[in-house]
Amino acid sequence: MKNFVSHVGMSLRNLFREKINLVILLELVIIILLLLLFWLVIYVYLEIGDNQYHFYMNNKKSLELIHNVKIDKYDGSFVRDLTTEEELIRKQYERFHLRNLFKVR
């Protein structure tokens, strides 16, 4: 019995020595997946916070159709030609959305 227990212990020790690189790799993969999940949860939370923006855009579209005018989606004024500086400022303050990665400009 004593021989059997020592043999099992030695075989387990050898198994873990051989598989230690695999265990480290699996731990790294799990950590990366957890970080990715954490980033995704935060991103979805921020996107849900944009519901007010979508509500505004729906109202804007309705007002445009009812009154036959064009409303600027940036500041709510009537659409006009922008200067280069104004276009650059708007581009600089544009918020990142994941859906913009797949949008063709």
Protein backbone atom coordinates (compact mmCIF):
# COMPACT_ATOMS: atom_id res chain seq x y z
CA MET A 1 0.00 0.00 0.00
CA LYS A 2 2.84 2.36 0.89
CA ASN A 3 4.47 1.61 -2.46
CA PHE A 4 1.22 2.27 -4.31
CA VAL A 5 0.69 5.68 -2.66
CA SER A 6 4.28 6.76 -3.35
CA HIS A 7 4.01 5.56 -6.96
CA VAL A 8 0.76 7.51 -7.49
CA GLY A 9 2.34 10.60 -5.91
CA MET A 10 5.41 10.36 -8.15
CA SER A 11 3.31 9.87 -11.27
CA LEU A 12 1.14 12.88 -10.41
CA ARG A 13 4.24 14.98 -9.79
CA ASN A 14 5.67 13.97 -13.17
CA LEU A 15 2.36 14.66 -14.87
CA PHE A 16 2.21 18.20 -13.45
CA ARG A 17 5.83 18.87 -14.40
CA GLU A 18 5.10 17.94 -17.99
CA LYS A 19 1.83 19.83 -18.16
CA ILE A 20 2.92 22.99 -16.32
CA ASN A 21 3.29 24.95 -19.60
CA LEU A 22 -0.20 23.94 -20.64
CA VAL A 23 -1.60 25.03 -17.29
CA ILE A 24 0.12 28.43 -17.57
CA LEU A 25 -1.22 28.83 -21.10
CA LEU A 26 -4.76 27.97 -19.98
CA GLU A 27 -4.51 30.44 -17.10
CA LEU A 28 -3.42 33.18 -19.51
CA VAL A 29 -6.28 32.37 -21.87
CA ILE A 30 -8.77 32.52 -18.99
CA ILE A 31 -7.37 35.87 -17.83
CA ILE A 32 -7.56 37.28 -21.35
CA LEU A 33 -11.15 36.06 -21.74
CA LEU A 34 -12.10 37.63 -18.40
CA LEU A 35 -10.56 40.96 -19.43
CA LEU A 36 -12.40 40.79 -22.75
CA LEU A 37 -15.66 40.05 -20.95
CA PHE A 38 -15.05 42.95 -18.54
CA TRP A 39 -14.41 45.31 -21.48
CA LEU A 40 -17.55 44.07 -23.23
CA VAL A 41 -19.72 44.61 -20.14
CA ILE A 42 -18.45 48.18 -19.76
CA TYR A 43 -18.93 48.88 -23.47
CA VAL A 44 -22.50 47.55 -23.44
CA TYR A 45 -23.26 49.61 -20.34
CA LEU A 46 -22.04 52.75 -22.10
CA GLU A 47 -24.00 51.92 -25.25
CA ILE A 48 -27.17 51.47 -23.22
CA GLY A 49 -26.53 54.93 -21.82
CA ASP A 50 -26.85 56.25 -25.38
CA ASN A 51 -30.57 55.52 -25.46
CA GLN A 52 -31.26 59.20 -24.89
CA TYR A 53 -29.37 59.97 -28.10
CA HIS A 54 -31.47 57.50 -30.08
CA PHE A 55 -34.64 58.99 -28.62
CA TYR A 56 -33.44 62.41 -29.75
CA MET A 57 -32.69 61.13 -33.26
CA ASN A 58 -36.17 59.60 -33.57
CA ASN A 59 -37.75 62.91 -32.53
CA LYS A 60 -35.47 64.80 -34.92
CA LYS A 61 -36.54 62.63 -37.83
CA SER A 62 -40.23 63.10 -36.97
CA LEU A 63 -39.84 66.89 -36.75
CA GLU A 64 -38.02 66.95 -40.08
CA LEU A 65 -40.83 65.03 -41.76
CA ILE A 66 -43.64 67.06 -40.18
CA HIS A 67 -42.16 70.55 -40.78
CA ASN A 68 -40.19 69.78 -43.95
CA VAL A 69 -36.88 71.15 -42.62
CA LYS A 70 -33.44 69.65 -42.00
CA ILE A 71 -32.12 69.66 -38.42
CA ASP A 72 -28.43 69.28 -37.61
CA LYS A 73 -27.91 66.14 -35.52
CA TYR A 74 -24.89 67.66 -33.77
CA ASP A 75 -26.45 70.66 -32.04
CA GLY A 76 -30.13 70.75 -33.06
CA SER A 77 -29.93 73.88 -35.22
CA PHE A 78 -30.98 74.03 -38.86
CA VAL A 79 -28.55 72.42 -41.32
CA ARG A 80 -26.02 74.83 -42.83
CA ASP A 81 -22.65 74.59 -44.56
CA LEU A 82 -19.88 74.05 -42.03
CA THR A 83 -16.45 75.60 -42.06
CA THR A 84 -13.42 73.34 -42.12
CA GLU A 85 -12.70 74.16 -38.49
CA GLU A 86 -16.21 73.20 -37.41
CA GLU A 87 -15.98 69.91 -39.30
CA LEU A 88 -12.65 69.10 -37.64
CA ILE A 89 -14.02 69.92 -34.18
CA ARG A 90 -17.03 67.67 -34.75
CA LYS A 91 -14.80 64.88 -36.01
CA GLN A 92 -12.53 65.24 -32.98
CA TYR A 93 -15.41 65.02 -30.49
CA GLU A 94 -17.12 62.13 -32.25
CA ARG A 95 -17.67 59.26 -29.86
CA PHE A 96 -16.46 55.77 -30.71
CA HIS A 97 -19.16 53.19 -31.40
CA LEU A 98 -18.49 49.60 -32.32
CA ARG A 99 -21.03 49.83 -35.12
CA ASN A 100 -18.85 52.49 -36.81
CA LEU A 101 -16.19 49.87 -37.49
CA PHE A 102 -18.49 48.20 -39.99
CA LYS A 103 -19.90 51.38 -41.53
CA VAL A 104 -18.63 52.32 -44.98
CA ARG A 105 -17.91 56.02 -45.23
